[in-house]
Amino acid sequence: MKNLKLFPKTFLHCLGLMSGVTLIAFLLIYSLFPTVYQMYKQRELDADAARLAGELQELDSKELSAAITSYAISKGYGYTARYEGGEVICSAGVGISFEMLGGDFGTGNGGGSVRLDVDFATSETSFRTVDGKTVDLTLRASLQPIGDAGSVLLLLLPAVLILCVMLSAFVSYFYARSIVKPIQGIADATVRMRSLAPDISCSIDRNDEIGMLSQNIDAMYQKLLAAISDLELQIQTASRSEREKLDFLLLASHELKTPVTAVRGMVDGMLYRVGAYKDRDAYLAKCQKSLESLSELLCRMLEASKLDANAAAKDKERTEIGRLLAETASPYFIIAESRGVAMRLSLEGNFSACVSAELVKKAISNVISNAVKYTDAGKSIRIYLEGRAAVVENECLPFTQEELSHIGEPFYQRKEGSPDRAGGRTGLGLYLTERILHACRLSYSFAPYENGMRFVLDFGEEESF
């Protein structure tokens, strides 16, 4: 039985149970029916004897024989009525064997014999007639029908058992099928779920425990798929982040190599007084400028390596964008003025947004810093709000389409002759800005306009709280 599948096992269990119950019920009927029938017949006989005795008390001796005979025949009883002295009044039916002296049968005046029934029920009672005579009345009922019924039951037993087994097999088959079919469906669905395909479900439309099991498996499978999808996304994000860090380190090592080599060459030339390097004062100034660029590059690299934008972007709060712009732009007014650049800030149309204030401030700071660095003296920078966006415009030489395609790449520098190339810029400002805004899920655009370049940071629709 252990090696059988669920359907044959359920079918055999159900068939055996129903057949066993049928057999036990048949045996109980066969064994208890005679006893129960005898008890029932005895109670009925006692009640009839008491009822007949009550009726006979109102009659005299001459009327007794006719009344007893009439009642006994209507009930199918044998009977014997005697006076207290032993004289038979009347007698007939089952359960008697005696010779009647003289007269006709049933009157006590004739002779004859009557068959003796071994299986019979007897009820005896006494009463007094209206003329004062005491009569002993005995009623007898045959129990032979119950013996015949037992024989018939034994005769029918094989046929009844075969019929019951056939009926049990029929019922067991459909019962086992109704139980096993949905379970088999669930089992097949769980096998298919091993492939982790998204369109698999048990689809068992029932309101019982099997239906609940099916719904729970479907819900658990969908949660598993969601967890796997989320895990794969996290793995891809982590892999991309690792690749970006590796690429950044490779680029950083290359970018550091150039200024370090240049400074070392100038120092060696001055140390050994080679050619033009004899003019130490001039080349010390160049070394200082190269070291400043190197220091700025190292600071930017350190900032980029420490930045965990994805984690910090989760710390959102309601922030006034106008106030954020004013705080971010404030330090750059002095720098812009020292470079002869006019910087104007307009906070008209101020609004609030739910953002990570620290990260957004860092991104806008990088944009304003680049605008100040790349704007020539006598030109201007405009910072203002437009709808639900912050805009930074600076008058400068616009980027070409090829240069715009490289915006956001670490250490990217414009071609020779451009302002940032001449100034020895690091190319990390917009790289950090793009990483921050991507983590904050904020869209932006950086495109040329008629007087220079325009940066637009869109804060999207207002969120409700």
Protein backbone atom coordinates (compact mmCIF):
# COMPACT_ATOMS: atom_id res chain seq x y z
CA MET A 1 0.00 0.00 0.00
CA LYS A 2 2.90 2.36 0.67
CA ASN A 3 4.00 2.20 -2.97
CA LEU A 4 0.53 2.85 -4.39
CA LYS A 5 -0.35 6.24 -5.75
CA LEU A 6 -2.98 8.38 -4.12
CA PHE A 7 -5.92 7.44 -6.39
CA PRO A 8 -5.75 3.61 -6.01
CA LYS A 9 -4.94 3.97 -2.33
CA THR A 10 -7.96 6.23 -1.73
CA PHE A 11 -10.17 4.00 -3.86
CA LEU A 12 -9.18 0.82 -1.99
CA HIS A 13 -9.54 2.43 1.42
CA CYS A 14 -12.98 3.76 0.58
CA LEU A 15 -14.07 0.45 -1.00
CA GLY A 16 -12.87 -1.57 2.00
CA LEU A 17 -14.55 0.79 4.44
CA MET A 18 -17.91 0.73 2.68
CA SER A 19 -17.82 -3.04 2.14
CA GLY A 20 -16.88 -3.64 5.78
CA VAL A 21 -19.66 -1.38 7.03
CA THR A 22 -22.17 -3.18 4.78
CA LEU A 23 -21.07 -6.63 5.99
CA ILE A 24 -21.14 -5.61 9.65
CA ALA A 25 -24.61 -4.09 9.23
CA PHE A 26 -25.86 -7.30 7.58
CA LEU A 27 -24.42 -9.49 10.36
CA LEU A 28 -25.92 -7.24 13.03
CA ILE A 29 -29.33 -7.51 11.42
CA TYR A 30 -29.03 -11.27 11.14
CA SER A 31 -27.93 -11.73 14.75
CA LEU A 32 -30.13 -9.16 16.50
CA PHE A 33 -33.32 -9.47 14.46
CA PRO A 34 -34.60 -12.71 16.16
CA THR A 35 -34.11 -11.35 19.68
CA VAL A 36 -35.63 -7.96 18.86
CA TYR A 37 -38.55 -9.59 17.06
CA GLN A 38 -39.21 -11.97 19.99
CA MET A 39 -39.21 -9.08 22.47
CA TYR A 40 -41.56 -7.08 20.24
CA LYS A 41 -43.90 -10.06 19.81
CA GLN A 42 -43.93 -10.78 23.55
CA ARG A 43 -44.88 -7.18 24.41
CA GLU A 44 -47.61 -7.22 21.79
CA LEU A 45 -48.95 -10.58 23.09
CA ASP A 46 -49.00 -9.37 26.72
CA ALA A 47 -50.87 -6.24 25.72
CA ASP A 48 -53.45 -8.19 23.71
CA ALA A 49 -53.95 -10.70 26.56
CA ALA A 50 -54.57 -7.89 29.04
CA ARG A 51 -56.97 -6.16 26.62
CA LEU A 52 -58.90 -9.42 25.96
CA ALA A 53 -59.13 -10.22 29.70
CA GLY A 54 -60.59 -6.78 30.35
CA GLU A 55 -63.29 -7.37 27.73
CA LEU A 56 -64.10 -10.89 28.97
CA GLN A 57 -64.72 -9.71 32.54
CA GLU A 58 -68.00 -8.18 31.35
CA LEU A 59 -69.29 -11.50 29.93
CA ASP A 60 -70.78 -14.56 31.56
CA SER A 61 -69.44 -18.12 31.20
CA LYS A 62 -71.63 -18.99 28.23
CA GLU A 63 -70.26 -16.18 26.07
CA LEU A 64 -66.57 -16.76 26.80
CA SER A 65 -65.80 -19.41 24.17
CA ALA A 66 -67.19 -17.43 21.22
CA ALA A 67 -65.54 -14.17 22.28
CA ILE A 68 -62.11 -15.77 22.84
CA THR A 69 -62.27 -17.71 19.56
CA SER A 70 -63.27 -14.64 17.55
CA TYR A 71 -60.49 -12.44 19.04
CA ALA A 72 -57.77 -15.12 18.67
CA ILE A 73 -58.67 -15.83 15.04
CA SER A 74 -58.52 -12.09 14.19
CA LYS A 75 -55.03 -11.89 15.69
CA GLY A 76 -53.77 -15.28 14.52
CA TYR A 77 -53.13 -16.51 18.07
CA GLY A 78 -53.50 -19.93 19.63
CA TYR A 79 -55.42 -19.91 22.90
CA THR A 80 -56.47 -22.01 25.90
CA ALA A 81 -59.11 -21.00 28.46
CA ARG A 82 -59.70 -23.02 31.67
CA TYR A 83 -61.74 -22.64 34.74
CA GLU A 84 -59.84 -22.47 37.99
CA GLY A 85 -60.55 -26.15 38.54
CA GLY A 86 -58.84 -27.19 35.28
CA GLU A 87 -61.90 -27.60 33.05
CA VAL A 88 -61.09 -26.48 29.50
CA ILE A 89 -63.49 -23.87 28.11
CA CYS A 90 -61.95 -23.63 24.67
CA SER A 91 -58.60 -24.32 23.03
CA ALA A 92 -57.11 -23.95 19.53
CA GLY A 93 -54.07 -22.84 17.55
CA VAL A 94 -50.35 -23.13 18.23
CA GLY A 95 -48.41 -24.49 21.14
CA ILE A 96 -50.82 -27.14 22.53
CA SER A 97 -50.87 -30.96 22.58
CA PHE A 98 -53.56 -32.67 24.54
CA GLU A 99 -56.65 -34.82 24.07
CA MET A 100 -60.00 -33.20 24.52
CA LEU A 101 -62.64 -35.45 26.15
CA GLY A 102 -65.86 -35.65 24.21
CA GLY A 103 -67.55 -32.92 22.21
CA ASP A 104 -66.16 -30.85 19.36
CA PHE A 105 -62.70 -29.29 19.16
CA GLY A 106 -62.50 -25.98 20.84
CA THR A 107 -65.38 -26.55 23.28
CA GLY A 108 -63.78 -28.96 25.70
CA ASN A 109 -66.35 -31.64 24.94
CA GLY A 110 -64.72 -33.45 22.05
CA GLY A 111 -61.36 -35.21 21.47
CA GLY A 112 -58.45 -34.58 19.13
CA SER A 113 -54.86 -33.46 18.95
CA VAL A 114 -53.16 -30.23 17.86
CA ARG A 115 -49.56 -29.70 16.53
CA LEU A 116 -46.97 -28.58 19.04
CA ASP A 117 -44.90 -25.52 17.95
CA VAL A 118 -41.55 -25.40 19.64
CA ASP A 119 -40.87 -21.67 18.90
CA PHE A 120 -43.72 -19.65 20.28
CA ALA A 121 -44.40 -16.78 22.69
CA THR A 122 -46.87 -17.28 25.56
CA SER A 123 -48.84 -14.82 27.69
CA GLU A 124 -50.96 -15.99 30.64
CA THR A 125 -53.54 -13.99 32.56
CA SER A 126 -56.56 -14.60 34.87
CA PHE A 127 -59.92 -12.84 35.26
CA ARG A 128 -63.37 -13.32 36.85
CA THR A 129 -66.56 -13.41 34.84
CA VAL A 130 -69.72 -11.55 35.78
CA ASP A 131 -71.15 -14.77 37.26
CA GLY A 132 -68.11 -15.07 39.62
CA LYS A 133 -66.06 -17.80 37.92
CA THR A 134 -62.27 -17.55 37.71
CA VAL A 135 -60.80 -18.23 34.26
CA ASP A 136 -57.10 -18.78 33.34
CA LEU A 137 -56.42 -17.52 29.79
CA THR A 138 -53.31 -18.43 27.79
CA LEU A 139 -52.48 -16.80 24.42
CA ARG A 140 -49.75 -18.18 22.14
CA ALA A 141 -48.08 -16.62 19.07
CA SER A 142 -45.80 -18.55 16.71
CA LEU A 143 -42.18 -17.36 16.24
CA GLN A 144 -41.67 -19.51 13.18
CA PRO A 145 -41.67 -16.48 10.73
CA ILE A 146 -38.47 -15.14 12.25
CA GLY A 147 -36.72 -18.45 11.64
CA ASP A 148 -37.84 -18.36 8.03
CA ALA A 149 -36.67 -14.78 7.73
CA GLY A 150 -33.20 -15.77 9.00
CA SER A 151 -32.95 -18.50 6.41
CA VAL A 152 -33.91 -16.04 3.69
CA LEU A 153 -31.26 -13.56 4.90
CA LEU A 154 -28.59 -16.25 4.70
CA LEU A 155 -29.79 -17.14 1.23
CA LEU A 156 -29.59 -13.50 0.10
CA LEU A 157 -26.22 -12.81 1.73
CA PRO A 158 -23.97 -13.56 -1.31
CA ALA A 159 -26.13 -11.58 -3.72
CA VAL A 160 -26.45 -8.66 -1.30
CA LEU A 161 -22.69 -8.62 -0.66
CA ILE A 162 -21.91 -8.65 -4.39
CA LEU A 163 -24.38 -5.85 -5.03
CA CYS A 164 -23.04 -3.80 -2.11
CA VAL A 165 -19.44 -4.30 -3.24
CA MET A 166 -20.34 -3.18 -6.76
CA LEU A 167 -22.17 -0.13 -5.41
CA SER A 168 -19.29 0.60 -3.04
CA ALA A 169 -16.80 0.35 -5.91
CA PHE A 170 -18.87 2.76 -8.00
CA VAL A 171 -19.18 5.30 -5.16
CA SER A 172 -15.52 4.84 -4.13
CA TYR A 173 -14.31 5.51 -7.68
CA PHE A 174 -16.07 8.85 -7.97
CA TYR A 175 -15.25 9.81 -4.39
CA ALA A 176 -11.54 9.03 -4.88
CA ARG A 177 -11.55 10.90 -8.18
CA SER A 178 -13.17 13.97 -6.65
CA ILE A 179 -10.53 14.01 -3.90
CA VAL A 180 -7.46 13.05 -5.93
CA LYS A 181 -8.08 15.10 -9.10
CA PRO A 182 -7.57 18.57 -7.51
CA ILE A 183 -4.62 17.29 -5.47
CA GLN A 184 -3.07 15.88 -8.65
CA GLY A 185 -3.68 19.23 -10.33
CA ILE A 186 -1.85 20.99 -7.50
CA ALA A 187 1.00 18.48 -7.71
CA ASP A 188 1.33 18.99 -11.49
CA ALA A 189 1.28 22.77 -11.06
CA THR A 190 4.01 22.66 -8.41
CA VAL A 191 6.15 20.55 -10.75
CA ARG A 192 5.73 23.19 -13.46
CA MET A 193 6.55 25.89 -10.92
CA ARG A 194 10.11 24.56 -10.81
CA SER A 195 10.69 26.39 -14.08
CA LEU A 196 9.73 29.67 -12.33
CA ALA A 197 7.54 30.66 -15.28
CA PRO A 198 5.32 33.65 -14.36
CA ASP A 199 2.02 32.33 -15.80
CA ILE A 200 1.65 29.14 -13.72
CA SER A 201 -1.14 28.70 -11.16
CA CYS A 202 -3.04 25.83 -9.54
CA SER A 203 -6.48 27.26 -10.52
CA ILE A 204 -8.53 24.97 -8.24
CA ASP A 205 -11.98 26.56 -7.91
CA ARG A 206 -13.15 25.11 -4.61
CA ASN A 207 -14.26 26.55 -1.28
CA ASP A 208 -12.89 23.78 0.94
CA GLU A 209 -9.43 23.18 2.40
CA ILE A 210 -8.09 21.96 -0.97
CA GLY A 211 -9.17 25.25 -2.56
CA MET A 212 -7.51 27.18 0.28
CA LEU A 213 -4.33 25.14 -0.24
CA SER A 214 -4.40 25.99 -3.95
CA GLN A 215 -4.84 29.71 -3.25
CA ASN A 216 -2.05 29.69 -0.66
CA ILE A 217 0.34 27.95 -3.08
CA ASP A 218 -0.48 30.47 -5.83
CA ALA A 219 0.05 33.40 -3.46
CA MET A 220 3.30 31.93 -2.16
CA TYR A 221 4.52 31.33 -5.73
CA GLN A 222 3.79 34.91 -6.74
CA LYS A 223 5.65 36.18 -3.68
CA LEU A 224 8.55 33.89 -4.54
CA LEU A 225 8.67 35.24 -8.10
CA ALA A 226 8.54 38.81 -6.77
CA ALA A 227 11.34 38.07 -4.29
CA ILE A 228 13.45 36.44 -7.02
CA SER A 229 12.84 39.38 -9.37
CA ASP A 230 13.77 41.85 -6.65
CA LEU A 231 16.87 39.82 -5.81
CA GLU A 232 17.92 39.68 -9.46
CA LEU A 233 17.42 43.44 -9.72
CA GLN A 234 19.56 43.97 -6.63
CA ILE A 235 22.24 41.66 -8.03
CA GLN A 236 22.22 43.56 -11.33
CA THR A 237 22.40 46.86 -9.48
CA ALA A 238 25.26 45.62 -7.31
CA SER A 239 27.09 44.22 -10.35
CA ARG A 240 26.64 47.46 -12.25
CA SER A 241 27.84 49.41 -9.24
CA GLU A 242 30.89 47.18 -8.94
CA ARG A 243 31.66 47.59 -12.63
CA GLU A 244 31.26 51.34 -12.33
CA LYS A 245 33.60 51.42 -9.36
CA LEU A 246 36.16 49.32 -11.20
CA ASP A 247 35.94 51.51 -14.29
CA PHE A 248 36.18 54.59 -12.10
CA LEU A 249 39.31 53.28 -10.40
CA LEU A 250 40.91 52.44 -13.75
CA LEU A 251 40.11 55.89 -15.10
CA ALA A 252 41.24 57.52 -11.86
CA SER A 253 44.58 55.75 -11.96
CA HIS A 254 45.05 56.92 -15.55
CA GLU A 255 44.03 60.49 -14.72
CA LEU A 256 46.33 60.61 -11.72
CA LYS A 257 49.25 59.29 -13.72
CA THR A 258 49.41 62.32 -16.07
CA PRO A 259 49.71 65.17 -13.51
CA VAL A 260 51.96 63.13 -11.23
CA THR A 261 54.32 62.37 -14.15
CA ALA A 262 54.29 66.04 -15.19
CA VAL A 263 55.09 67.28 -11.69
CA ARG A 264 57.82 64.69 -11.27
CA GLY A 265 59.37 65.68 -14.62
CA MET A 266 59.40 69.35 -13.69
CA VAL A 267 60.88 68.64 -10.25
CA ASP A 268 63.61 66.45 -11.78
CA GLY A 269 64.38 69.13 -14.36
CA MET A 270 64.66 71.82 -11.72
CA LEU A 271 66.70 69.57 -9.46
CA TYR A 272 69.28 68.85 -12.13
CA ARG A 273 68.94 72.28 -13.79
CA VAL A 274 68.14 70.84 -17.19
CA GLY A 275 67.46 73.36 -19.99
CA ALA A 276 64.50 75.61 -19.38
CA TYR A 277 63.94 74.11 -15.95
CA LYS A 278 66.80 76.25 -14.65
CA ASP A 279 64.16 78.95 -14.22
CA ARG A 280 62.90 77.42 -11.01
CA ASP A 281 60.53 80.22 -10.08
CA ALA A 282 58.54 79.83 -13.30
CA TYR A 283 58.31 76.05 -13.03
CA LEU A 284 57.59 76.11 -9.31
CA ALA A 285 54.49 78.15 -10.17
CA LYS A 286 53.55 75.54 -12.79
CA CYS A 287 54.16 72.76 -10.28
CA GLN A 288 51.94 74.52 -7.78
CA LYS A 289 49.17 74.86 -10.37
CA SER A 290 49.50 71.17 -11.32
CA LEU A 291 49.42 70.16 -7.64
CA GLU A 292 46.29 72.25 -7.11
CA SER A 293 44.63 70.46 -10.02
CA LEU A 294 45.82 67.16 -8.59
CA SER A 295 44.45 68.08 -5.16
CA GLU A 296 41.09 69.00 -6.66
CA LEU A 297 41.06 65.73 -8.58
CA LEU A 298 41.82 63.73 -5.44
CA CYS A 299 39.08 65.54 -3.51
CA ARG A 300 36.56 64.78 -6.25
CA MET A 301 37.65 61.16 -6.41
CA LEU A 302 37.33 60.83 -2.64
CA GLU A 303 33.87 62.39 -2.78
CA ALA A 304 32.80 60.03 -5.56
CA SER A 305 34.12 56.95 -3.73
CA LYS A 306 32.29 57.85 -0.50
CA LEU A 307 29.01 58.66 -2.19
CA ASP A 308 26.29 56.10 -1.41
CA ALA A 309 23.50 57.78 -3.32
CA ASN A 310 21.13 54.80 -3.34
CA ALA A 311 21.04 54.58 0.47
CA ALA A 312 20.92 58.34 1.04
CA ALA A 313 18.11 58.79 -1.53
CA LYS A 314 15.73 56.94 0.80
CA ASP A 315 15.93 59.72 3.42
CA LYS A 316 13.29 61.95 1.87
CA GLU A 317 11.68 64.96 3.48
CA ARG A 318 9.43 67.85 2.48
CA THR A 319 11.78 70.60 1.27
CA GLU A 320 11.25 74.11 -0.10
CA ILE A 321 13.15 74.11 -3.39
CA GLY A 322 13.55 77.92 -3.41
CA ARG A 323 15.21 77.90 -0.01
CA LEU A 324 17.39 74.96 -1.10
CA LEU A 325 18.52 76.89 -4.20
CA ALA A 326 19.32 79.99 -2.14
CA GLU A 327 21.40 78.00 0.38
CA THR A 328 23.25 76.16 -2.39
CA ALA A 329 23.99 79.25 -4.53
CA SER A 330 25.02 81.52 -1.66
CA PRO A 331 28.77 80.56 -1.53
CA TYR A 332 29.16 80.92 -5.30
CA PHE A 333 28.16 84.61 -5.46
CA ILE A 334 31.58 85.67 -4.12
CA ILE A 335 33.43 83.26 -6.45
CA ALA A 336 31.43 84.49 -9.45
CA GLU A 337 32.05 88.13 -8.53
CA SER A 338 35.80 87.48 -8.24
CA ARG A 339 35.78 86.01 -11.77
CA GLY A 340 33.82 88.95 -13.15
CA VAL A 341 30.67 86.85 -13.68
CA ALA A 342 27.22 88.24 -12.85
CA MET A 343 25.07 85.64 -11.06
CA ARG A 344 21.33 86.30 -10.55
CA LEU A 345 18.93 84.23 -8.41
CA SER A 346 15.14 84.39 -8.71
CA LEU A 347 12.92 82.45 -6.29
CA GLU A 348 9.62 83.51 -7.81
CA GLY A 349 7.15 80.58 -7.98
CA ASN A 350 8.68 78.79 -5.00
CA PHE A 351 7.36 75.26 -4.34
CA SER A 352 8.09 72.27 -2.14
CA ALA A 353 8.93 68.65 -2.98
CA CYS A 354 9.63 65.43 -1.12
CA VAL A 355 13.31 64.78 -1.85
CA SER A 356 16.60 63.95 -0.18
CA ALA A 357 17.67 67.53 0.49
CA GLU A 358 21.32 66.68 1.10
CA LEU A 359 21.75 64.84 -2.21
CA VAL A 360 19.81 67.36 -4.30
CA LYS A 361 21.82 70.17 -2.76
CA LYS A 362 25.05 68.37 -3.70
CA ALA A 363 23.85 67.84 -7.29
CA ILE A 364 22.79 71.48 -7.74
CA SER A 365 26.08 72.62 -6.15
CA ASN A 366 28.05 70.69 -8.79
CA VAL A 367 25.98 72.28 -11.58
CA ILE A 368 26.42 75.84 -10.22
CA SER A 369 30.14 75.19 -9.64
CA ASN A 370 30.58 74.13 -13.26
CA ALA A 371 28.55 77.12 -14.43
CA VAL A 372 30.80 79.52 -12.50
CA LYS A 373 33.97 77.80 -13.80
CA TYR A 374 32.90 77.69 -17.46
CA THR A 375 31.40 81.20 -17.72
CA ASP A 376 33.78 83.83 -19.07
CA ALA A 377 34.25 87.21 -17.40
CA GLY A 378 31.59 89.70 -18.36
CA LYS A 379 28.99 86.96 -18.92
CA SER A 380 26.13 86.02 -16.60
CA ILE A 381 24.51 83.06 -14.81
CA ARG A 382 20.76 82.84 -14.14
CA ILE A 383 19.24 80.57 -11.47
CA TYR A 384 15.46 80.52 -11.28
CA LEU A 385 12.32 78.37 -10.83
CA GLU A 386 10.04 77.43 -13.69
CA GLY A 387 6.91 75.43 -12.90
CA ARG A 388 8.14 72.53 -10.77
CA ALA A 389 11.70 72.68 -12.07
CA ALA A 390 14.94 74.40 -11.07
CA VAL A 391 16.87 75.99 -13.95
CA VAL A 392 20.54 77.02 -14.14
CA GLU A 393 21.63 78.97 -17.28
CA ASN A 394 25.16 80.16 -17.98
CA GLU A 395 26.49 82.07 -20.95
CA CYS A 396 29.33 80.06 -22.44
CA LEU A 397 30.48 78.21 -25.55
CA PRO A 398 27.70 75.63 -26.08
CA PHE A 399 28.56 71.93 -26.12
CA THR A 400 28.43 70.07 -29.41
CA GLN A 401 26.24 66.99 -29.83
CA GLU A 402 29.31 64.76 -29.63
CA GLU A 403 30.39 66.40 -26.39
CA LEU A 404 26.87 66.12 -24.95
CA SER A 405 26.89 62.36 -25.62
CA HIS A 406 29.83 62.02 -23.18
CA ILE A 407 28.28 64.15 -20.43
CA GLY A 408 28.21 62.13 -17.23
CA GLU A 409 31.28 60.07 -18.02
CA PRO A 410 33.93 60.35 -15.29
CA PHE A 411 37.06 62.37 -16.19
CA TYR A 412 35.66 63.40 -19.57
CA GLN A 413 37.19 66.66 -20.77
CA ARG A 414 36.34 68.77 -23.77
CA LYS A 415 38.61 69.10 -26.75
CA GLU A 416 41.70 71.25 -26.81
CA GLY A 417 40.91 74.95 -26.71
CA SER A 418 37.69 74.60 -24.74
CA PRO A 419 37.41 76.39 -21.38
CA ASP A 420 37.43 73.29 -19.15
CA ARG A 421 40.37 71.74 -20.99
CA ALA A 422 42.39 74.88 -20.59
CA GLY A 423 41.56 75.04 -16.90
CA GLY A 424 42.49 71.42 -16.21
CA ARG A 425 39.03 70.36 -15.07
CA THR A 426 38.44 66.91 -13.63
CA GLY A 427 35.21 66.01 -15.44
CA LEU A 428 33.68 64.54 -12.25
CA GLY A 429 31.06 67.22 -11.56
CA LEU A 430 28.34 66.03 -13.91
CA TYR A 431 29.29 62.39 -13.26
CA LEU A 432 28.43 62.85 -9.57
CA THR A 433 25.34 64.86 -10.46
CA GLU A 434 24.03 62.12 -12.76
CA ARG A 435 24.60 59.41 -10.13
CA ILE A 436 22.79 61.44 -7.48
CA LEU A 437 19.77 62.32 -9.61
CA HIS A 438 19.49 58.75 -10.89
CA ALA A 439 19.39 57.47 -7.30
CA CYS A 440 16.80 60.12 -6.38
CA ARG A 441 14.72 59.23 -9.46
CA LEU A 442 14.71 62.83 -10.66
CA SER A 443 14.84 63.64 -14.36
CA TYR A 444 17.03 66.41 -15.75
CA SER A 445 18.17 67.87 -19.04
CA PHE A 446 21.42 69.59 -20.02
CA ALA A 447 21.20 71.22 -23.41
CA PRO A 448 22.44 74.29 -25.26
CA TYR A 449 20.32 77.41 -25.79
CA GLU A 450 20.95 80.59 -27.72
CA ASN A 451 23.42 82.07 -25.19
CA GLY A 452 25.07 78.99 -23.74
CA MET A 453 24.01 75.93 -21.72
CA ARG A 454 20.86 75.30 -19.70
CA PHE A 455 20.45 72.72 -16.91
CA VAL A 456 16.83 71.86 -15.92
CA LEU A 457 16.06 69.69 -12.89
CA ASP A 458 12.43 68.46 -12.93
CA PHE A 459 10.89 67.58 -9.54
CA GLY A 460 7.77 65.97 -11.08
CA GLU A 461 4.18 66.14 -9.91
CA GLU A 462 3.42 67.15 -6.35
CA GLU A 463 3.01 64.13 -4.04
CA SER A 464 0.14 63.98 -1.56
CA PHE A 465 0.72 63.09 2.10
